[in-house]
């Protein structure tokens, strides 16, 4: 039952979805945690984060395009997130906002069941930075494809591409698509959501 003690968690995105709502609210209910989760549209992340402090929201997730900009509006950043240069998870501890990056944990767990020695990462935004960090941590070689060299991906026969952008990539290569509505993206998103749940509640989900 929702009451005055119910903790509120949420996500901010320019294109919000329901995956987080389904996952977190199911886990809150299953584990008898007095909390709810809601996704929100935002076109001004600074104002959204100010609202978090005013309303006492306990934690929130960040999606595109806020993962880098939000660094300017938190009070502290966890070590790996600082090295990555982007955050996707924030905890509010009595007004002190601490940022984390769980994207790289999701990507790492996904990579652990594959045998990638070298990949081409498409995009260089906040999610791409998490993939780059993961590659360095796992000793996987990589190169980055941006608008500057976009057409080069169509000449990479037999290579592995990681789509870290919001756009659809059509190529004959193997594409690991990080977008949350795709098969690989859903797997990565589930891994990182479990890590978020642990950060929010202290409860580990196997």
N, C-alpha and C. Protein backbone atom coordinates (compact mmCIF):
# COMPACT_ATOMS: atom_id res chain seq x y z
N UNK A 1 0.84 -1.20 0.00
CA UNK A 1 0.00 0.00 0.00
C UNK A 1 0.88 1.25 0.00
N UNK A 2 0.57 2.18 -0.87
CA UNK A 2 1.32 3.44 -0.92
C UNK A 2 0.88 4.32 0.25
N UNK A 3 1.85 4.86 0.99
CA UNK A 3 1.56 5.73 2.11
C UNK A 3 2.64 6.81 2.22
N UNK A 4 2.62 7.58 3.28
CA UNK A 4 3.56 8.69 3.41
C UNK A 4 5.00 8.22 3.56
N UNK A 5 5.20 6.96 3.90
CA UNK A 5 6.55 6.41 4.04
C UNK A 5 7.08 5.81 2.74
N UNK A 6 6.26 5.74 1.71
CA UNK A 6 6.66 5.13 0.44
C UNK A 6 7.78 5.95 -0.21
N UNK A 7 8.86 5.27 -0.53
CA UNK A 7 9.98 5.93 -1.21
C UNK A 7 9.70 5.99 -2.71
N UNK A 8 10.12 7.07 -3.32
CA UNK A 8 9.89 7.26 -4.75
C UNK A 8 11.22 7.21 -5.50
N UNK A 9 11.25 6.39 -6.54
CA UNK A 9 12.39 6.33 -7.47
C UNK A 9 11.84 6.61 -8.87
N UNK A 10 12.70 7.08 -9.75
CA UNK A 10 12.19 7.43 -11.08
C UNK A 10 13.31 7.43 -12.10
N UNK A 11 12.95 7.74 -13.33
CA UNK A 11 13.93 7.92 -14.40
C UNK A 11 13.56 9.16 -15.18
N UNK A 12 14.58 9.79 -15.76
CA UNK A 12 14.37 10.97 -16.61
C UNK A 12 14.94 10.69 -17.99
N UNK A 13 14.12 10.96 -19.00
CA UNK A 13 14.54 10.70 -20.38
C UNK A 13 13.80 11.64 -21.31
N UNK A 14 14.39 11.89 -22.48
CA UNK A 14 13.68 12.64 -23.51
C UNK A 14 12.71 11.74 -24.26
N UNK A 15 12.84 10.42 -24.03
CA UNK A 15 11.94 9.45 -24.66
C UNK A 15 11.67 8.32 -23.67
N UNK A 16 10.89 8.56 -22.63
CA UNK A 16 10.70 7.57 -21.56
C UNK A 16 9.96 6.32 -22.02
N UNK A 17 10.30 5.20 -21.39
CA UNK A 17 9.64 3.93 -21.68
C UNK A 17 9.10 3.30 -20.41
N UNK A 18 8.67 2.05 -20.51
CA UNK A 18 8.06 1.36 -19.38
C UNK A 18 8.93 0.26 -18.77
N UNK A 19 10.09 -0.03 -19.36
CA UNK A 19 10.91 -1.14 -18.87
C UNK A 19 11.29 -0.97 -17.41
N UNK A 20 11.73 0.22 -17.04
CA UNK A 20 12.13 0.46 -15.66
C UNK A 20 10.96 0.33 -14.71
N UNK A 21 9.81 0.85 -15.11
CA UNK A 21 8.61 0.75 -14.26
C UNK A 21 8.24 -0.70 -14.00
N UNK A 22 8.26 -1.50 -15.05
CA UNK A 22 7.90 -2.91 -14.91
C UNK A 22 8.88 -3.64 -14.00
N UNK A 23 10.17 -3.42 -14.23
CA UNK A 23 11.19 -4.15 -13.47
C UNK A 23 11.17 -3.75 -11.99
N UNK A 24 11.29 -2.46 -11.72
CA UNK A 24 11.44 -2.03 -10.33
C UNK A 24 10.18 -2.23 -9.51
N UNK A 25 9.03 -1.91 -10.07
CA UNK A 25 7.80 -2.07 -9.28
C UNK A 25 7.52 -3.55 -8.99
N UNK A 26 7.87 -4.42 -9.93
CA UNK A 26 7.73 -5.86 -9.68
C UNK A 26 8.65 -6.30 -8.56
N UNK A 27 9.90 -5.84 -8.59
CA UNK A 27 10.86 -6.24 -7.57
C UNK A 27 10.52 -5.63 -6.21
N UNK A 28 10.07 -4.38 -6.21
CA UNK A 28 9.66 -3.77 -4.94
C UNK A 28 8.54 -4.58 -4.29
N UNK A 29 7.55 -4.98 -5.09
CA UNK A 29 6.44 -5.74 -4.55
C UNK A 29 6.89 -7.12 -4.07
N UNK A 30 7.69 -7.79 -4.91
CA UNK A 30 8.14 -9.14 -4.58
C UNK A 30 8.97 -9.17 -3.30
N UNK A 31 9.79 -8.13 -3.10
CA UNK A 31 10.71 -8.09 -1.96
C UNK A 31 10.17 -7.26 -0.81
N UNK A 32 8.89 -6.89 -0.91
CA UNK A 32 8.21 -6.17 0.16
C UNK A 32 8.94 -4.87 0.53
N UNK A 33 9.38 -4.15 -0.51
CA UNK A 33 10.02 -2.85 -0.32
C UNK A 33 8.96 -1.77 -0.53
N UNK A 34 8.81 -0.89 0.43
CA UNK A 34 7.79 0.16 0.34
C UNK A 34 8.30 1.29 -0.55
N UNK A 35 8.20 1.08 -1.85
CA UNK A 35 8.71 2.04 -2.82
C UNK A 35 7.95 1.89 -4.14
N UNK A 36 7.97 2.95 -4.93
CA UNK A 36 7.40 2.92 -6.28
C UNK A 36 8.39 3.54 -7.24
N UNK A 37 8.20 3.23 -8.52
CA UNK A 37 9.10 3.72 -9.57
C UNK A 37 8.25 4.26 -10.72
N UNK A 38 8.66 5.42 -11.24
CA UNK A 38 7.91 6.06 -12.34
C UNK A 38 8.89 6.69 -13.31
N UNK A 39 8.65 6.51 -14.60
CA UNK A 39 9.48 7.16 -15.62
C UNK A 39 8.87 8.52 -15.97
N UNK A 40 9.74 9.50 -16.21
CA UNK A 40 9.30 10.85 -16.53
C UNK A 40 9.99 11.36 -17.79
N UNK A 41 9.25 12.17 -18.55
CA UNK A 41 9.84 12.92 -19.65
C UNK A 41 10.50 14.17 -19.07
N UNK A 42 11.67 14.50 -19.59
CA UNK A 42 12.33 15.74 -19.19
C UNK A 42 12.94 16.41 -20.40
N UNK A 43 12.81 17.73 -20.45
CA UNK A 43 13.51 18.50 -21.46
C UNK A 43 14.47 19.50 -20.82
N UNK A 44 14.61 19.38 -19.49
CA UNK A 44 15.54 20.23 -18.74
C UNK A 44 16.00 19.46 -17.51
N UNK A 45 17.14 18.78 -17.64
CA UNK A 45 17.57 17.87 -16.57
C UNK A 45 17.97 18.63 -15.32
N UNK A 46 18.45 19.84 -15.47
CA UNK A 46 18.79 20.63 -14.28
C UNK A 46 17.57 20.86 -13.42
N UNK A 47 16.46 21.27 -14.03
CA UNK A 47 15.23 21.50 -13.28
C UNK A 47 14.67 20.20 -12.72
N UNK A 48 14.82 19.11 -13.47
CA UNK A 48 14.33 17.81 -12.99
C UNK A 48 15.10 17.38 -11.75
N UNK A 49 16.40 17.61 -11.74
CA UNK A 49 17.21 17.23 -10.58
C UNK A 49 16.92 18.15 -9.40
N UNK A 50 16.64 19.40 -9.66
CA UNK A 50 16.23 20.30 -8.58
C UNK A 50 14.93 19.80 -7.95
N UNK A 51 14.02 19.28 -8.79
CA UNK A 51 12.76 18.74 -8.28
C UNK A 51 12.99 17.51 -7.40
N UNK A 52 13.99 16.71 -7.76
CA UNK A 52 14.33 15.54 -6.95
C UNK A 52 14.64 15.95 -5.52
N UNK A 53 15.44 16.99 -5.37
CA UNK A 53 15.79 17.46 -4.03
C UNK A 53 14.57 18.03 -3.31
N UNK A 54 13.76 18.81 -4.03
CA UNK A 54 12.58 19.43 -3.41
C UNK A 54 11.57 18.40 -2.95
N UNK A 55 11.38 17.35 -3.74
CA UNK A 55 10.36 16.35 -3.45
C UNK A 55 10.87 15.19 -2.61
N UNK A 56 12.17 15.12 -2.41
CA UNK A 56 12.73 14.02 -1.63
C UNK A 56 12.71 12.70 -2.35
N UNK A 57 12.74 12.72 -3.68
CA UNK A 57 12.85 11.48 -4.45
C UNK A 57 14.17 10.81 -4.10
N UNK A 58 14.14 9.51 -3.81
CA UNK A 58 15.29 8.83 -3.23
C UNK A 58 16.37 8.45 -4.24
N UNK A 59 15.99 8.32 -5.50
CA UNK A 59 16.98 7.96 -6.51
C UNK A 59 16.36 8.01 -7.89
N UNK A 60 17.22 8.14 -8.89
CA UNK A 60 16.68 8.19 -10.25
C UNK A 60 17.71 7.70 -11.26
N UNK A 61 17.18 7.27 -12.39
CA UNK A 61 18.01 6.82 -13.50
C UNK A 61 18.00 7.91 -14.58
N UNK A 62 19.05 7.92 -15.37
CA UNK A 62 19.18 8.89 -16.46
C UNK A 62 19.34 8.16 -17.78
N UNK A 63 18.61 8.63 -18.77
CA UNK A 63 18.74 8.09 -20.11
C UNK A 63 19.21 9.21 -21.02
N UNK A 64 19.29 8.90 -22.32
CA UNK A 64 19.70 9.91 -23.28
C UNK A 64 18.75 11.11 -23.22
N UNK A 65 19.27 12.32 -23.35
CA UNK A 65 20.68 12.69 -23.60
C UNK A 65 21.35 13.31 -22.38
N UNK A 66 21.02 12.82 -21.18
CA UNK A 66 21.38 13.52 -19.95
C UNK A 66 22.57 12.95 -19.18
N UNK A 67 23.15 11.86 -19.66
CA UNK A 67 24.12 11.12 -18.85
C UNK A 67 25.42 11.89 -18.61
N UNK A 68 25.77 12.79 -19.50
CA UNK A 68 26.98 13.59 -19.33
C UNK A 68 26.65 14.91 -18.65
N UNK A 69 25.61 15.58 -19.12
CA UNK A 69 25.23 16.88 -18.55
C UNK A 69 24.94 16.80 -17.06
N UNK A 70 24.33 15.69 -16.63
CA UNK A 70 23.92 15.55 -15.22
C UNK A 70 25.10 15.57 -14.26
N UNK A 71 26.29 15.31 -14.76
CA UNK A 71 27.48 15.38 -13.90
C UNK A 71 27.61 16.75 -13.25
N UNK A 72 27.13 17.78 -13.92
CA UNK A 72 27.25 19.14 -13.40
C UNK A 72 26.30 19.42 -12.24
N UNK A 73 25.32 18.53 -12.01
CA UNK A 73 24.26 18.84 -11.06
C UNK A 73 24.22 17.87 -9.88
N UNK A 74 25.22 17.01 -9.74
CA UNK A 74 25.28 16.11 -8.58
C UNK A 74 26.42 16.56 -7.67
N UNK A 75 26.40 16.05 -6.45
CA UNK A 75 27.37 16.49 -5.44
C UNK A 75 28.60 15.60 -5.37
N UNK A 76 28.48 14.36 -5.81
CA UNK A 76 29.59 13.43 -5.79
C UNK A 76 29.41 12.38 -6.87
N UNK A 77 30.52 11.78 -7.28
CA UNK A 77 30.48 10.79 -8.36
C UNK A 77 31.34 9.60 -7.97
N UNK A 78 30.78 8.42 -8.09
CA UNK A 78 31.51 7.17 -7.79
C UNK A 78 32.69 7.01 -8.75
N UNK A 79 33.71 6.28 -8.29
CA UNK A 79 35.00 6.21 -8.98
C UNK A 79 34.88 5.81 -10.45
N UNK A 80 34.21 4.70 -10.74
CA UNK A 80 34.14 4.23 -12.12
C UNK A 80 33.36 5.22 -12.99
N UNK A 81 32.30 5.81 -12.43
CA UNK A 81 31.52 6.78 -13.19
C UNK A 81 32.36 8.02 -13.53
N UNK A 82 33.20 8.43 -12.59
CA UNK A 82 34.07 9.58 -12.84
C UNK A 82 35.03 9.26 -13.98
N UNK A 83 35.58 8.06 -13.99
CA UNK A 83 36.51 7.67 -15.05
C UNK A 83 35.80 7.52 -16.40
N UNK A 84 34.56 7.07 -16.37
CA UNK A 84 33.79 6.93 -17.60
C UNK A 84 33.43 8.30 -18.16
N UNK A 85 33.04 9.21 -17.29
CA UNK A 85 32.63 10.53 -17.73
C UNK A 85 31.16 10.65 -18.00
N UNK A 86 30.37 9.75 -17.42
CA UNK A 86 28.91 9.84 -17.53
C UNK A 86 28.27 9.07 -16.38
N UNK A 87 27.05 9.44 -16.04
CA UNK A 87 26.30 8.76 -14.99
C UNK A 87 24.92 8.39 -15.51
N UNK A 88 24.40 7.30 -15.00
CA UNK A 88 23.03 6.91 -15.36
C UNK A 88 22.19 6.57 -14.14
N UNK A 89 22.78 6.69 -12.96
CA UNK A 89 22.09 6.35 -11.72
C UNK A 89 22.50 7.36 -10.64
N UNK A 90 21.51 7.88 -9.92
CA UNK A 90 21.80 8.86 -8.86
C UNK A 90 21.00 8.49 -7.61
N UNK A 91 21.67 8.57 -6.47
CA UNK A 91 21.02 8.32 -5.18
C UNK A 91 20.98 9.62 -4.40
N UNK A 92 19.83 9.90 -3.80
CA UNK A 92 19.63 11.09 -3.00
C UNK A 92 19.68 10.72 -1.53
N UNK A 93 20.75 11.12 -0.86
CA UNK A 93 20.93 10.84 0.57
C UNK A 93 20.77 12.15 1.34
N UNK A 94 19.52 12.44 1.71
CA UNK A 94 19.21 13.67 2.46
C UNK A 94 19.72 14.91 1.75
N UNK A 95 19.51 14.96 0.43
CA UNK A 95 19.89 16.14 -0.33
C UNK A 95 21.26 16.08 -0.97
N UNK A 96 22.05 15.07 -0.60
CA UNK A 96 23.36 14.87 -1.23
C UNK A 96 23.20 13.87 -2.36
N UNK A 97 23.45 14.31 -3.59
CA UNK A 97 23.25 13.46 -4.76
C UNK A 97 24.57 12.84 -5.20
N UNK A 98 24.59 11.53 -5.25
CA UNK A 98 25.80 10.80 -5.67
C UNK A 98 25.50 10.03 -6.95
N UNK A 99 26.34 10.23 -7.96
CA UNK A 99 26.13 9.61 -9.25
C UNK A 99 26.93 8.34 -9.44
N UNK A 100 26.34 7.40 -10.16
CA UNK A 100 26.96 6.11 -10.46
C UNK A 100 26.78 5.82 -11.95
N UNK A 101 27.55 4.86 -12.44
CA UNK A 101 27.33 4.36 -13.79
C UNK A 101 27.17 2.85 -13.72
N UNK A 102 25.97 2.37 -14.00
CA UNK A 102 25.72 0.92 -14.02
C UNK A 102 25.67 0.39 -15.45
N UNK A 103 25.71 1.30 -16.43
CA UNK A 103 25.73 0.85 -17.83
C UNK A 103 26.90 -0.09 -18.08
N UNK A 104 28.06 0.28 -17.55
CA UNK A 104 29.24 -0.51 -17.85
C UNK A 104 29.16 -1.89 -17.21
N UNK A 105 28.46 -2.00 -16.07
CA UNK A 105 28.26 -3.31 -15.44
C UNK A 105 27.40 -4.18 -16.34
N UNK A 106 26.34 -3.60 -16.90
CA UNK A 106 25.48 -4.35 -17.81
C UNK A 106 26.21 -4.81 -19.04
N UNK A 107 27.02 -3.93 -19.62
CA UNK A 107 27.80 -4.29 -20.81
C UNK A 107 28.83 -5.36 -20.47
N UNK A 108 29.48 -5.22 -19.32
CA UNK A 108 30.49 -6.20 -18.90
C UNK A 108 29.89 -7.60 -18.76
N UNK A 109 28.74 -7.69 -18.11
CA UNK A 109 28.10 -9.00 -17.93
C UNK A 109 27.67 -9.58 -19.28
N UNK A 110 27.26 -8.73 -20.19
CA UNK A 110 26.90 -9.19 -21.53
C UNK A 110 28.14 -9.72 -22.25
N UNK A 111 29.23 -8.98 -22.19
CA UNK A 111 30.47 -9.38 -22.87
C UNK A 111 31.06 -10.67 -22.28
N UNK A 112 30.84 -10.91 -21.01
CA UNK A 112 31.44 -12.07 -20.35
C UNK A 112 30.98 -13.39 -20.96
N UNK A 113 29.82 -13.40 -21.58
CA UNK A 113 29.31 -14.63 -22.20
C UNK A 113 29.57 -14.66 -23.71
N UNK A 114 30.36 -13.70 -24.18
CA UNK A 114 30.74 -13.66 -25.60
C UNK A 114 32.26 -13.69 -25.71
N UNK A 115 32.73 -13.86 -26.92
CA UNK A 115 34.17 -13.94 -27.14
C UNK A 115 34.59 -12.84 -28.12
N UNK A 116 34.56 -11.61 -27.63
CA UNK A 116 34.92 -10.47 -28.46
C UNK A 116 36.36 -10.06 -28.16
N UNK A 117 37.16 -9.97 -29.20
CA UNK A 117 38.53 -9.48 -29.04
C UNK A 117 38.68 -8.03 -29.48
N UNK A 118 37.80 -7.62 -30.39
CA UNK A 118 37.86 -6.26 -30.91
C UNK A 118 36.47 -5.88 -31.41
N UNK A 119 36.03 -4.67 -31.08
CA UNK A 119 34.72 -4.20 -31.55
C UNK A 119 34.84 -2.76 -32.04
N UNK A 120 33.87 -2.38 -32.87
CA UNK A 120 33.73 -0.99 -33.31
C UNK A 120 32.51 -0.41 -32.60
N UNK A 121 32.72 0.64 -31.84
CA UNK A 121 31.65 1.26 -31.07
C UNK A 121 31.08 2.43 -31.86
N UNK A 122 29.80 2.37 -32.14
CA UNK A 122 29.14 3.43 -32.91
C UNK A 122 28.59 4.47 -31.94
N UNK A 123 29.08 5.70 -32.06
CA UNK A 123 28.66 6.78 -31.19
C UNK A 123 29.71 7.08 -30.13
N UNK A 124 29.64 8.28 -29.58
CA UNK A 124 30.61 8.68 -28.55
C UNK A 124 29.95 9.46 -27.43
N UNK A 125 28.67 9.14 -27.17
CA UNK A 125 27.95 9.78 -26.09
C UNK A 125 28.15 9.08 -24.76
N UNK A 126 27.23 9.33 -23.82
CA UNK A 126 27.38 8.78 -22.47
C UNK A 126 27.40 7.27 -22.43
N UNK A 127 26.53 6.61 -23.20
CA UNK A 127 26.51 5.15 -23.19
C UNK A 127 27.76 4.59 -23.85
N UNK A 128 28.19 5.22 -24.94
CA UNK A 128 29.42 4.79 -25.61
C UNK A 128 30.61 4.85 -24.66
N UNK A 129 30.66 5.88 -23.83
CA UNK A 129 31.78 6.02 -22.90
C UNK A 129 31.81 4.86 -21.91
N UNK A 130 30.62 4.36 -21.53
CA UNK A 130 30.56 3.21 -20.64
C UNK A 130 31.06 1.95 -21.35
N UNK A 131 30.71 1.80 -22.64
CA UNK A 131 31.19 0.66 -23.41
C UNK A 131 32.70 0.72 -23.57
N UNK A 132 33.23 1.90 -23.83
CA UNK A 132 34.68 2.07 -23.96
C UNK A 132 35.39 1.69 -22.66
N UNK A 133 34.85 2.12 -21.54
CA UNK A 133 35.42 1.80 -20.23
C UNK A 133 35.43 0.29 -20.00
N UNK A 134 34.33 -0.36 -20.39
CA UNK A 134 34.23 -1.81 -20.24
C UNK A 134 35.29 -2.52 -21.08
N UNK A 135 35.47 -2.06 -22.30
CA UNK A 135 36.47 -2.67 -23.17
C UNK A 135 37.87 -2.56 -22.56
N UNK A 136 38.17 -1.41 -22.01
CA UNK A 136 39.48 -1.22 -21.37
C UNK A 136 39.63 -2.15 -20.17
N UNK A 137 38.56 -2.28 -19.38
CA UNK A 137 38.61 -3.13 -18.20
C UNK A 137 38.76 -4.60 -18.56
N UNK A 138 38.22 -5.01 -19.72
CA UNK A 138 38.24 -6.40 -20.13
C UNK A 138 39.30 -6.70 -21.19
N UNK A 139 40.11 -5.71 -21.49
CA UNK A 139 41.18 -5.86 -22.48
C UNK A 139 40.63 -6.25 -23.85
N UNK A 140 39.54 -5.59 -24.24
CA UNK A 140 38.96 -5.77 -25.56
C UNK A 140 39.33 -4.55 -26.41
N UNK A 141 39.95 -4.79 -27.54
CA UNK A 141 40.31 -3.68 -28.42
C UNK A 141 39.07 -3.04 -29.02
N UNK A 142 39.15 -1.74 -29.31
CA UNK A 142 37.99 -1.07 -29.89
C UNK A 142 38.41 0.16 -30.68
N UNK A 143 37.54 0.54 -31.56
CA UNK A 143 37.65 1.80 -32.28
C UNK A 143 36.28 2.46 -32.27
N UNK A 144 36.22 3.77 -32.43
CA UNK A 144 34.97 4.51 -32.31
C UNK A 144 34.56 5.06 -33.67
N UNK A 145 33.30 4.87 -34.00
CA UNK A 145 32.72 5.41 -35.23
C UNK A 145 31.77 6.54 -34.85
N UNK A 146 32.03 7.73 -35.39
CA UNK A 146 31.19 8.89 -35.13
C UNK A 146 30.70 9.45 -36.47
N UNK A 147 30.06 10.58 -36.42
CA UNK A 147 29.61 11.22 -37.66
C UNK A 147 30.79 11.50 -38.60
N UNK A 148 31.94 11.74 -38.00
CA UNK A 148 33.13 12.07 -38.79
C UNK A 148 33.53 10.94 -39.72
N UNK A 149 33.41 9.70 -39.26
CA UNK A 149 33.81 8.54 -40.08
C UNK A 149 32.67 7.53 -40.21
N UNK A 150 31.44 8.03 -40.23
CA UNK A 150 30.23 7.19 -40.21
C UNK A 150 30.21 6.16 -41.33
N UNK A 151 30.57 6.56 -42.52
CA UNK A 151 30.47 5.67 -43.67
C UNK A 151 31.44 4.50 -43.59
N UNK A 152 32.46 4.61 -42.76
CA UNK A 152 33.47 3.55 -42.68
C UNK A 152 32.88 2.23 -42.18
N UNK A 153 31.77 2.30 -41.41
CA UNK A 153 31.22 1.07 -40.85
C UNK A 153 30.71 0.12 -41.93
N UNK A 154 30.39 0.67 -43.09
CA UNK A 154 29.83 -0.16 -44.15
C UNK A 154 30.92 -0.90 -44.94
N UNK A 155 32.16 -0.66 -44.59
CA UNK A 155 33.28 -1.36 -45.22
C UNK A 155 33.98 -2.31 -44.26
N UNK A 156 33.37 -2.54 -43.10
CA UNK A 156 33.98 -3.38 -42.07
C UNK A 156 33.42 -4.79 -42.15
N UNK A 157 33.75 -5.50 -43.17
CA UNK A 157 33.20 -6.84 -43.37
C UNK A 157 33.66 -7.80 -42.28
N UNK A 158 32.68 -8.49 -41.69
CA UNK A 158 33.00 -9.51 -40.69
C UNK A 158 33.38 -8.99 -39.33
N UNK A 159 33.17 -7.70 -39.08
CA UNK A 159 33.54 -7.12 -37.80
C UNK A 159 32.31 -7.02 -36.88
N UNK A 160 32.59 -6.86 -35.59
CA UNK A 160 31.53 -6.70 -34.60
C UNK A 160 31.33 -5.21 -34.32
N UNK A 161 30.09 -4.76 -34.47
CA UNK A 161 29.75 -3.38 -34.18
C UNK A 161 28.88 -3.32 -32.93
N UNK A 162 29.09 -2.31 -32.11
CA UNK A 162 28.25 -2.08 -30.94
C UNK A 162 27.52 -0.76 -31.15
N UNK A 163 26.22 -0.83 -31.27
CA UNK A 163 25.42 0.38 -31.49
C UNK A 163 25.13 1.06 -30.16
N UNK A 164 25.84 2.15 -29.90
CA UNK A 164 25.63 2.92 -28.67
C UNK A 164 24.91 4.23 -28.97
N UNK A 165 24.11 4.23 -30.04
CA UNK A 165 23.35 5.41 -30.44
C UNK A 165 21.86 5.07 -30.40
N UNK A 166 20.98 6.09 -30.56
CA UNK A 166 19.54 5.82 -30.60
C UNK A 166 19.03 5.49 -32.00
N UNK A 167 19.91 5.44 -32.99
CA UNK A 167 19.46 5.25 -34.37
C UNK A 167 19.61 3.79 -34.79
N UNK A 168 18.85 3.40 -35.79
CA UNK A 168 18.91 2.05 -36.32
C UNK A 168 20.12 1.90 -37.25
N UNK A 169 20.86 0.83 -37.08
CA UNK A 169 22.05 0.57 -37.90
C UNK A 169 21.77 -0.65 -38.77
N UNK A 170 21.84 -0.46 -40.08
CA UNK A 170 21.61 -1.56 -41.01
C UNK A 170 22.91 -1.88 -41.73
N UNK A 171 23.46 -3.05 -41.45
CA UNK A 171 24.72 -3.49 -42.03
C UNK A 171 24.75 -5.01 -41.99
N UNK A 172 25.62 -5.61 -42.78
CA UNK A 172 25.76 -7.07 -42.80
C UNK A 172 26.61 -7.58 -41.65
N UNK A 173 27.23 -6.69 -40.90
CA UNK A 173 28.07 -7.09 -39.77
C UNK A 173 27.22 -7.52 -38.58
N UNK A 174 27.84 -8.21 -37.64
CA UNK A 174 27.18 -8.52 -36.38
C UNK A 174 27.07 -7.24 -35.57
N UNK A 175 25.84 -6.84 -35.25
CA UNK A 175 25.61 -5.62 -34.50
C UNK A 175 25.05 -5.96 -33.12
N UNK A 176 25.79 -5.58 -32.08
CA UNK A 176 25.26 -5.64 -30.73
C UNK A 176 24.54 -4.32 -30.51
N UNK A 177 23.22 -4.38 -30.44
CA UNK A 177 22.43 -3.16 -30.37
C UNK A 177 22.10 -2.85 -28.92
N UNK A 178 22.64 -1.74 -28.41
CA UNK A 178 22.45 -1.40 -27.02
C UNK A 178 21.13 -0.73 -26.70
N UNK A 179 20.30 -0.46 -27.70
CA UNK A 179 19.02 0.19 -27.44
C UNK A 179 18.10 -0.75 -26.66
N UNK A 180 17.41 -0.25 -25.63
CA UNK A 180 16.70 -1.13 -24.69
C UNK A 180 15.53 -1.91 -25.25
N UNK A 181 15.08 -1.60 -26.47
CA UNK A 181 13.96 -2.36 -27.03
C UNK A 181 14.44 -3.53 -27.89
N UNK A 182 15.76 -3.68 -28.07
CA UNK A 182 16.31 -4.76 -28.88
C UNK A 182 16.67 -5.95 -28.00
N UNK A 183 16.91 -7.09 -28.63
CA UNK A 183 17.21 -8.31 -27.86
C UNK A 183 18.46 -8.14 -27.01
N UNK A 184 19.56 -7.68 -27.62
CA UNK A 184 20.79 -7.51 -26.85
C UNK A 184 20.65 -6.36 -25.87
N UNK A 185 19.95 -5.30 -26.27
CA UNK A 185 19.75 -4.17 -25.38
C UNK A 185 18.96 -4.52 -24.15
N UNK A 186 17.96 -5.38 -24.30
CA UNK A 186 17.16 -5.81 -23.15
C UNK A 186 18.01 -6.60 -22.16
N UNK A 187 18.91 -7.43 -22.68
CA UNK A 187 19.77 -8.22 -21.80
C UNK A 187 20.71 -7.31 -21.02
N UNK A 188 21.31 -6.36 -21.72
CA UNK A 188 22.20 -5.40 -21.05
C UNK A 188 21.43 -4.57 -20.04
N UNK A 189 20.24 -4.12 -20.42
CA UNK A 189 19.42 -3.29 -19.53
C UNK A 189 19.03 -4.03 -18.27
N UNK A 190 18.75 -5.32 -18.37
CA UNK A 190 18.38 -6.10 -17.20
C UNK A 190 19.56 -6.22 -16.24
N UNK A 191 20.74 -6.48 -16.78
CA UNK A 191 21.93 -6.57 -15.94
C UNK A 191 22.16 -5.26 -15.18
N UNK A 192 22.07 -4.15 -15.90
CA UNK A 192 22.36 -2.88 -15.25
C UNK A 192 21.25 -2.48 -14.29
N UNK A 193 20.00 -2.87 -14.57
CA UNK A 193 18.89 -2.56 -13.67
C UNK A 193 19.05 -3.31 -12.34
N UNK A 194 19.55 -4.53 -12.39
CA UNK A 194 19.81 -5.28 -11.16
C UNK A 194 20.86 -4.57 -10.31
N UNK A 195 21.86 -4.00 -10.98
CA UNK A 195 22.88 -3.24 -10.26
C UNK A 195 22.28 -1.97 -9.67
N UNK A 196 21.41 -1.31 -10.42
CA UNK A 196 20.73 -0.13 -9.89
C UNK A 196 19.91 -0.49 -8.66
N UNK A 197 19.20 -1.61 -8.72
CA UNK A 197 18.37 -2.02 -7.59
C UNK A 197 19.22 -2.21 -6.34
N UNK A 198 20.40 -2.79 -6.51
CA UNK A 198 21.31 -2.99 -5.38
C UNK A 198 21.78 -1.66 -4.82
N UNK A 199 22.06 -0.70 -5.70
CA UNK A 199 22.50 0.62 -5.25
C UNK A 199 21.37 1.33 -4.51
N UNK A 200 20.16 1.24 -5.02
CA UNK A 200 19.02 1.90 -4.41
C UNK A 200 18.66 1.30 -3.04
N UNK A 201 18.64 -0.03 -2.97
CA UNK A 201 18.06 -0.71 -1.79
C UNK A 201 19.07 -1.49 -0.96
N UNK A 202 20.24 -1.78 -1.50
CA UNK A 202 21.21 -2.63 -0.80
C UNK A 202 20.92 -4.11 -0.97
N UNK A 203 19.91 -4.45 -1.77
CA UNK A 203 19.51 -5.84 -1.98
C UNK A 203 20.04 -6.32 -3.33
N UNK A 204 20.77 -7.42 -3.31
CA UNK A 204 21.33 -7.98 -4.55
C UNK A 204 20.33 -8.95 -5.17
N UNK A 205 20.15 -8.81 -6.48
CA UNK A 205 19.28 -9.72 -7.24
C UNK A 205 20.16 -10.64 -8.08
N UNK A 206 20.00 -11.93 -7.92
CA UNK A 206 20.80 -12.89 -8.68
C UNK A 206 20.28 -13.00 -10.12
